[in-house]
Amino acid sequence: REPERWEPRLRLAQEILLTRAPEVA
């Protein structure tokens, strides 16, 4: 969420953690 503080017009919509991606299977 730090970029939201640098540019207040941004909002984090999604954090994709590859450790939790379905491809890990």
PDB file of all heavy atoms in Angstrom:
ATOM      1  N   ARG A   1       0.811  -1.217   0.000  1.00  0.00           N
ATOM      2  CA  ARG A   1       0.000   0.000   0.000  1.00  0.00           C
ATOM      3  C   ARG A   1       0.848   1.272   0.000  1.00  0.00           C
ATOM      4  O   ARG A   1       0.311   2.379  -0.059  1.00  0.00           O
ATOM      5  CB  ARG A   1      -0.961   0.000   1.190  1.00  0.00           C
ATOM      6  CG  ARG A   1      -2.023  -1.084   1.094  1.00  0.00           C
ATOM      7  CD  ARG A   1      -3.225  -0.821   1.983  1.00  0.00           C
ATOM      8  NE  ARG A   1      -4.263  -1.812   1.772  1.00  0.00           N
ATOM      9  CZ  ARG A   1      -5.194  -1.757   0.819  1.00  0.00           C
ATOM     10  NH1 ARG A   1      -5.207  -0.730  -0.020  1.00  0.00           N
ATOM     11  NH2 ARG A   1      -6.096  -2.708   0.701  1.00  0.00           N
ATOM     12  N   GLU A   2       2.158   1.111   0.045  1.00  0.00           N
ATOM     13  CA  GLU A   2       3.014   2.292   0.057  1.00  0.00           C
ATOM     14  C   GLU A   2       2.833   3.176  -1.174  1.00  0.00           C
ATOM     15  O   GLU A   2       2.810   4.401  -1.061  1.00  0.00           O
ATOM     16  CB  GLU A   2       4.476   1.887   0.244  1.00  0.00           C
ATOM     17  CG  GLU A   2       5.365   3.047   0.646  1.00  0.00           C
ATOM     18  CD  GLU A   2       6.678   2.584   1.258  1.00  0.00           C
ATOM     19  OE1 GLU A   2       6.803   1.398   1.622  1.00  0.00           O
ATOM     20  OE2 GLU A   2       7.576   3.434   1.369  1.00  0.00           O
ATOM     21  N   PRO A   3       2.690   2.611  -2.391  1.00  0.00           N
ATOM     22  CA  PRO A   3       2.445   3.476  -3.550  1.00  0.00           C
ATOM     23  C   PRO A   3       1.189   4.342  -3.423  1.00  0.00           C
ATOM     24  O   PRO A   3       1.100   5.399  -4.047  1.00  0.00           O
ATOM     25  CB  PRO A   3       2.324   2.481  -4.710  1.00  0.00           C
ATOM     26  CG  PRO A   3       3.210   1.344  -4.298  1.00  0.00           C
ATOM     27  CD  PRO A   3       2.972   1.221  -2.810  1.00  0.00           C
ATOM     28  N   GLU A   4       0.209   3.912  -2.612  1.00  0.00           N
ATOM     29  CA  GLU A   4      -0.971   4.742  -2.381  1.00  0.00           C
ATOM     30  C   GLU A   4      -0.598   6.030  -1.652  1.00  0.00           C
ATOM     31  O   GLU A   4      -1.252   7.072  -1.849  1.00  0.00           O
ATOM     32  CB  GLU A   4      -2.005   3.987  -1.544  1.00  0.00           C
ATOM     33  CG  GLU A   4      -2.576   2.753  -2.205  1.00  0.00           C
ATOM     34  CD  GLU A   4      -3.549   2.021  -1.303  1.00  0.00           C
ATOM     35  OE1 GLU A   4      -3.531   2.262  -0.075  1.00  0.00           O
ATOM     36  OE2 GLU A   4      -4.320   1.195  -1.821  1.00  0.00           O
ATOM     37  N   ARG A   5       0.446   5.980  -0.842  1.00  0.00           N
ATOM     38  CA  ARG A   5       0.886   7.174  -0.127  1.00  0.00           C
ATOM     39  C   ARG A   5       1.696   8.085  -1.035  1.00  0.00           C
ATOM     40  O   ARG A   5       1.676   9.303  -0.877  1.00  0.00           O
ATOM     41  CB  ARG A   5       1.692   6.773   1.112  1.00  0.00           C
ATOM     42  CG  ARG A   5       0.844   6.019   2.147  1.00  0.00           C
ATOM     43  CD  ARG A   5       1.590   5.798   3.450  1.00  0.00           C
ATOM     44  NE  ARG A   5       2.468   4.638   3.396  1.00  0.00           N
ATOM     45  CZ  ARG A   5       2.076   3.392   3.634  1.00  0.00           C
ATOM     46  NH1 ARG A   5       0.798   3.133   3.917  1.00  0.00           N
ATOM     47  NH2 ARG A   5       2.930   2.391   3.593  1.00  0.00           N
ATOM     48  N   TRP A   6       2.417   7.492  -1.987  1.00  0.00           N
ATOM     49  CA  TRP A   6       3.172   8.308  -2.929  1.00  0.00           C
ATOM     50  C   TRP A   6       2.258   8.994  -3.930  1.00  0.00           C
ATOM     51  O   TRP A   6       2.484  10.135  -4.316  1.00  0.00           O
ATOM     52  CB  TRP A   6       4.179   7.443  -3.698  1.00  0.00           C
ATOM     53  CG  TRP A   6       5.134   6.688  -2.858  1.00  0.00           C
ATOM     54  CD1 TRP A   6       5.596   7.028  -1.614  1.00  0.00           C
ATOM     55  CD2 TRP A   6       5.758   5.434  -3.188  1.00  0.00           C
ATOM     56  NE1 TRP A   6       6.468   6.081  -1.151  1.00  0.00           N
ATOM     57  CE2 TRP A   6       6.595   5.093  -2.090  1.00  0.00           C
ATOM     58  CE3 TRP A   6       5.703   4.589  -4.287  1.00  0.00           C
ATOM     59  CZ2 TRP A   6       7.367   3.930  -2.086  1.00  0.00           C
ATOM     60  CZ3 TRP A   6       6.456   3.440  -4.283  1.00  0.00           C
ATOM     61  CH2 TRP A   6       7.285   3.109  -3.190  1.00  0.00           C
ATOM     62  N   GLU A   7       1.223   8.258  -4.387  1.00  0.00           N
ATOM     63  CA  GLU A   7       0.267   8.770  -5.370  1.00  0.00           C
ATOM     64  C   GLU A   7      -1.140   8.455  -4.841  1.00  0.00           C
ATOM     65  O   GLU A   7      -1.647   7.355  -5.023  1.00  0.00           O
ATOM     66  CB  GLU A   7       0.506   8.126  -6.743  1.00  0.00           C
ATOM     67  CG  GLU A   7      -0.552   8.388  -7.796  1.00  0.00           C
ATOM     68  CD  GLU A   7      -0.955   9.848  -7.896  1.00  0.00           C
ATOM     69  OE1 GLU A   7      -0.161  10.650  -8.421  1.00  0.00           O
ATOM     70  OE2 GLU A   7      -2.069  10.193  -7.433  1.00  0.00           O
ATOM     71  N   PRO A   8      -1.772   9.439  -4.168  1.00  0.00           N
ATOM     72  CA  PRO A   8      -3.050   9.184  -3.481  1.00  0.00           C
ATOM     73  C   PRO A   8      -4.202   8.773  -4.394  1.00  0.00           C
ATOM     74  O   PRO A   8      -5.233   8.301  -3.902  1.00  0.00           O
ATOM     75  CB  PRO A   8      -3.347  10.526  -2.790  1.00  0.00           C
ATOM     76  CG  PRO A   8      -2.021  11.201  -2.669  1.00  0.00           C
ATOM     77  CD  PRO A   8      -1.253  10.784  -3.873  1.00  0.00           C
ATOM     78  N   ARG A   9      -4.063   8.934  -5.695  1.00  0.00           N
ATOM     79  CA  ARG A   9      -5.141   8.529  -6.603  1.00  0.00           C
ATOM     80  C   ARG A   9      -5.108   7.033  -6.909  1.00  0.00           C
ATOM     81  O   ARG A   9      -6.021   6.518  -7.567  1.00  0.00           O
ATOM     82  CB  ARG A   9      -5.069   9.341  -7.900  1.00  0.00           C
ATOM     83  CG  ARG A   9      -5.413  10.819  -7.712  1.00  0.00           C
ATOM     84  CD  ARG A   9      -5.079  11.632  -8.963  1.00  0.00           C
ATOM     85  NE  ARG A   9      -3.629  11.731  -9.166  1.00  0.00           N
ATOM     86  CZ  ARG A   9      -3.050  12.385 -10.174  1.00  0.00           C
ATOM     87  NH1 ARG A   9      -3.809  12.987 -11.077  1.00  0.00           N
ATOM     88  NH2 ARG A   9      -1.725  12.437 -10.268  1.00  0.00           N
ATOM     89  N   LEU A  10      -4.079   6.347  -6.441  1.00  0.00           N
ATOM     90  CA  LEU A  10      -3.975   4.898  -6.632  1.00  0.00           C
ATOM     91  C   LEU A  10      -4.626   4.152  -5.481  1.00  0.00           C
ATOM     92  O   LEU A  10      -4.572   4.585  -4.333  1.00  0.00           O
ATOM     93  CB  LEU A  10      -2.508   4.473  -6.713  1.00  0.00           C
ATOM     94  CG  LEU A  10      -1.691   4.862  -7.940  1.00  0.00           C
ATOM     95  CD1 LEU A  10      -0.262   4.361  -7.783  1.00  0.00           C
ATOM     96  CD2 LEU A  10      -2.311   4.324  -9.217  1.00  0.00           C
ATOM     97  N   ARG A  11      -5.234   3.010  -5.796  1.00  0.00           N
ATOM     98  CA  ARG A  11      -5.727   2.087  -4.781  1.00  0.00           C
ATOM     99  C   ARG A  11      -5.294   0.674  -5.145  1.00  0.00           C
ATOM    100  O   ARG A  11      -5.467   0.249  -6.291  1.00  0.00           O
ATOM    101  CB  ARG A  11      -7.261   2.150  -4.661  1.00  0.00           C
ATOM    102  CG  ARG A  11      -7.774   3.328  -3.891  1.00  0.00           C
ATOM    103  CD  ARG A  11      -7.372   3.278  -2.419  1.00  0.00           C
ATOM    104  NE  ARG A  11      -7.798   4.471  -1.700  1.00  0.00           N
ATOM    105  CZ  ARG A  11      -7.062   5.588  -1.554  1.00  0.00           C
ATOM    106  NH1 ARG A  11      -5.863   5.653  -2.108  1.00  0.00           N
ATOM    107  NH2 ARG A  11      -7.526   6.603  -0.861  1.00  0.00           N
ATOM    108  N   LEU A  12      -4.742  -0.026  -4.175  1.00  0.00           N
ATOM    109  CA  LEU A  12      -4.343  -1.408  -4.402  1.00  0.00           C
ATOM    110  C   LEU A  12      -5.578  -2.244  -4.706  1.00  0.00           C
ATOM    111  O   LEU A  12      -6.495  -2.330  -3.893  1.00  0.00           O
ATOM    112  CB  LEU A  12      -3.621  -1.958  -3.170  1.00  0.00           C
ATOM    113  CG  LEU A  12      -3.147  -3.409  -3.261  1.00  0.00           C
ATOM    114  CD1 LEU A  12      -2.064  -3.573  -4.322  1.00  0.00           C
ATOM    115  CD2 LEU A  12      -2.633  -3.884  -1.889  1.00  0.00           C
ATOM    116  N   ALA A  13      -5.604  -2.841  -5.880  1.00  0.00           N
ATOM    117  CA  ALA A  13      -6.745  -3.664  -6.284  1.00  0.00           C
ATOM    118  C   ALA A  13      -6.481  -5.142  -6.077  1.00  0.00           C
ATOM    119  O   ALA A  13      -7.405  -5.924  -5.838  1.00  0.00           O
ATOM    120  CB  ALA A  13      -7.081  -3.406  -7.757  1.00  0.00           C
ATOM    121  N   GLN A  14      -5.204  -5.544  -6.144  1.00  0.00           N
ATOM    122  CA  GLN A  14      -4.887  -6.971  -6.043  1.00  0.00           C
ATOM    123  C   GLN A  14      -3.411  -7.149  -5.751  1.00  0.00           C
ATOM    124  O   GLN A  14      -2.558  -6.486  -6.346  1.00  0.00           O
ATOM    125  CB  GLN A  14      -5.252  -7.687  -7.344  1.00  0.00           C
ATOM    126  CG  GLN A  14      -5.124  -9.194  -7.312  1.00  0.00           C
ATOM    127  CD  GLN A  14      -5.515  -9.827  -8.651  1.00  0.00           C
ATOM    128  OE1 GLN A  14      -5.527  -9.169  -9.686  1.00  0.00           O
ATOM    129  NE2 GLN A  14      -5.845 -11.106  -8.618  1.00  0.00           N
ATOM    130  N   GLU A  15      -3.117  -8.019  -4.820  1.00  0.00           N
ATOM    131  CA  GLU A  15      -1.745  -8.454  -4.563  1.00  0.00           C
ATOM    132  C   GLU A  15      -1.687  -9.940  -4.894  1.00  0.00           C
ATOM    133  O   GLU A  15      -2.319 -10.757  -4.229  1.00  0.00           O
ATOM    134  CB  GLU A  15      -1.351  -8.214  -3.112  1.00  0.00           C
ATOM    135  CG  GLU A  15       0.062  -8.689  -2.797  1.00  0.00           C
ATOM    136  CD  GLU A  15       0.430  -8.549  -1.322  1.00  0.00           C
ATOM    137  OE1 GLU A  15      -0.501  -8.428  -0.490  1.00  0.00           O
ATOM    138  OE2 GLU A  15       1.632  -8.577  -1.005  1.00  0.00           O
ATOM    139  N   ILE A  16      -0.967 -10.271  -5.951  1.00  0.00           N
ATOM    140  CA  ILE A  16      -0.865 -11.653  -6.394  1.00  0.00           C
ATOM    141  C   ILE A  16       0.428 -12.242  -5.842  1.00  0.00           C
ATOM    142  O   ILE A  16       1.532 -11.857  -6.255  1.00  0.00           O
ATOM    143  CB  ILE A  16      -0.882 -11.757  -7.929  1.00  0.00           C
ATOM    144  CG1 ILE A  16      -2.136 -11.099  -8.506  1.00  0.00           C
ATOM    145  CG2 ILE A  16      -0.783 -13.214  -8.377  1.00  0.00           C
ATOM    146  CD1 ILE A  16      -2.136 -10.985 -10.021  1.00  0.00           C
ATOM    147  N   LEU A  17       0.310 -13.134  -4.880  1.00  0.00           N
ATOM    148  CA  LEU A  17       1.458 -13.815  -4.297  1.00  0.00           C
ATOM    149  C   LEU A  17       1.657 -15.125  -5.046  1.00  0.00           C
ATOM    150  O   LEU A  17       0.780 -15.995  -5.039  1.00  0.00           O
ATOM    151  CB  LEU A  17       1.214 -14.086  -2.813  1.00  0.00           C
ATOM    152  CG  LEU A  17       0.918 -12.855  -1.938  1.00  0.00           C
ATOM    153  CD1 LEU A  17       0.520 -13.287  -0.530  1.00  0.00           C
ATOM    154  CD2 LEU A  17       2.122 -11.926  -1.893  1.00  0.00           C
ATOM    155  N   LEU A  18       2.786 -15.264  -5.706  1.00  0.00           N
ATOM    156  CA  LEU A  18       2.984 -16.459  -6.526  1.00  0.00           C
ATOM    157  C   LEU A  18       3.042 -17.729  -5.690  1.00  0.00           C
ATOM    158  O   LEU A  18       2.795 -18.823  -6.214  1.00  0.00           O
ATOM    159  CB  LEU A  18       4.248 -16.325  -7.375  1.00  0.00           C
ATOM    160  CG  LEU A  18       4.220 -15.265  -8.479  1.00  0.00           C
ATOM    161  CD1 LEU A  18       5.362 -15.506  -9.461  1.00  0.00           C
ATOM    162  CD2 LEU A  18       2.883 -15.230  -9.220  1.00  0.00           C
ATOM    163  N   THR A  19       3.342 -17.602  -4.391  1.00  0.00           N
ATOM    164  CA  THR A  19       3.324 -18.799  -3.544  1.00  0.00           C
ATOM    165  C   THR A  19       1.922 -19.382  -3.444  1.00  0.00           C
ATOM    166  O   THR A  19       1.764 -20.559  -3.105  1.00  0.00           O
ATOM    167  CB  THR A  19       3.821 -18.474  -2.125  1.00  0.00           C
ATOM    168  OG1 THR A  19       2.980 -17.460  -1.549  1.00  0.00           O
ATOM    169  CG2 THR A  19       5.263 -18.014  -2.131  1.00  0.00           C
ATOM    170  N   ARG A  20       0.886 -18.554  -3.725  1.00  0.00           N
ATOM    171  CA  ARG A  20      -0.498 -19.008  -3.611  1.00  0.00           C
ATOM    172  C   ARG A  20      -1.160 -19.177  -4.985  1.00  0.00           C
ATOM    173  O   ARG A  20      -2.384 -19.343  -5.068  1.00  0.00           O
ATOM    174  CB  ARG A  20      -1.287 -18.017  -2.755  1.00  0.00           C
ATOM    175  CG  ARG A  20      -0.737 -17.894  -1.346  1.00  0.00           C
ATOM    176  CD  ARG A  20      -1.417 -16.803  -0.539  1.00  0.00           C
ATOM    177  NE  ARG A  20      -0.782 -16.665   0.778  1.00  0.00           N
ATOM    178  CZ  ARG A  20      -1.076 -15.707   1.660  1.00  0.00           C
ATOM    179  NH1 ARG A  20      -2.000 -14.800   1.360  1.00  0.00           N
ATOM    180  NH2 ARG A  20      -0.452 -15.645   2.819  1.00  0.00           N
ATOM    181  N   ALA A  21      -0.363 -19.127  -6.031  1.00  0.00           N
ATOM    182  CA  ALA A  21      -0.916 -19.272  -7.375  1.00  0.00           C
ATOM    183  C   ALA A  21      -1.309 -20.728  -7.627  1.00  0.00           C
ATOM    184  O   ALA A  21      -0.655 -21.655  -7.128  1.00  0.00           O
ATOM    185  CB  ALA A  21       0.105 -18.835  -8.420  1.00  0.00           C
ATOM    186  N   PRO A  22      -2.361 -20.973  -8.400  1.00  0.00           N
ATOM    187  CA  PRO A  22      -2.761 -22.359  -8.679  1.00  0.00           C
ATOM    188  C   PRO A  22      -1.691 -23.156  -9.401  1.00  0.00           C
ATOM    189  O   PRO A  22      -1.651 -24.389  -9.298  1.00  0.00           O
ATOM    190  CB  PRO A  22      -4.024 -22.197  -9.534  1.00  0.00           C
ATOM    191  CG  PRO A  22      -3.994 -20.783 -10.035  1.00  0.00           C
ATOM    192  CD  PRO A  22      -3.268 -19.994  -9.011  1.00  0.00           C
ATOM    193  N   GLU A  23      -0.799 -22.478 -10.110  1.00  0.00           N
ATOM    194  CA  GLU A  23       0.257 -23.165 -10.854  1.00  0.00           C
ATOM    195  C   GLU A  23       1.252 -23.884  -9.945  1.00  0.00           C
ATOM    196  O   GLU A  23       2.014 -24.752 -10.412  1.00  0.00           O
ATOM    197  CB  GLU A  23       1.015 -22.175 -11.745  1.00  0.00           C
ATOM    198  CG  GLU A  23       0.216 -21.634 -12.914  1.00  0.00           C
ATOM    199  CD  GLU A  23      -0.607 -20.403 -12.566  1.00  0.00           C
ATOM    200  OE1 GLU A  23      -0.667 -20.027 -11.368  1.00  0.00           O
ATOM    201  OE2 GLU A  23      -1.190 -19.809 -13.481  1.00  0.00           O
ATOM    202  N   VAL A  24       1.256 -23.541  -8.652  1.00  0.00           N
ATOM    203  CA  VAL A  24       2.170 -24.203  -7.710  1.00  0.00           C
ATOM    204  C   VAL A  24       1.950 -25.717  -7.713  1.00  0.00           C
ATOM    205  O   VAL A  24       2.879 -26.491  -7.490  1.00  0.00           O
ATOM    206  CB  VAL A  24       1.987 -23.617  -6.291  1.00  0.00           C
ATOM    207  CG1 VAL A  24       2.759 -24.435  -5.252  1.00  0.00           C
ATOM    208  CG2 VAL A  24       2.445 -22.161  -6.261  1.00  0.00           C
ATOM    209  N   ALA A  25       0.739 -26.153  -8.003  1.00  0.00           N
ATOM    210  CA  ALA A  25       0.441 -27.595  -8.034  1.00  0.00           C
ATOM    211  C   ALA A  25       1.301 -28.340  -9.045  1.00  0.00           C
ATOM    212  O   ALA A  25       1.510 -29.555  -8.913  1.00  0.00           O
ATOM    213  CB  ALA A  25      -1.041 -27.805  -8.337  1.00  0.00           C
TER     214      ALA A  25
END
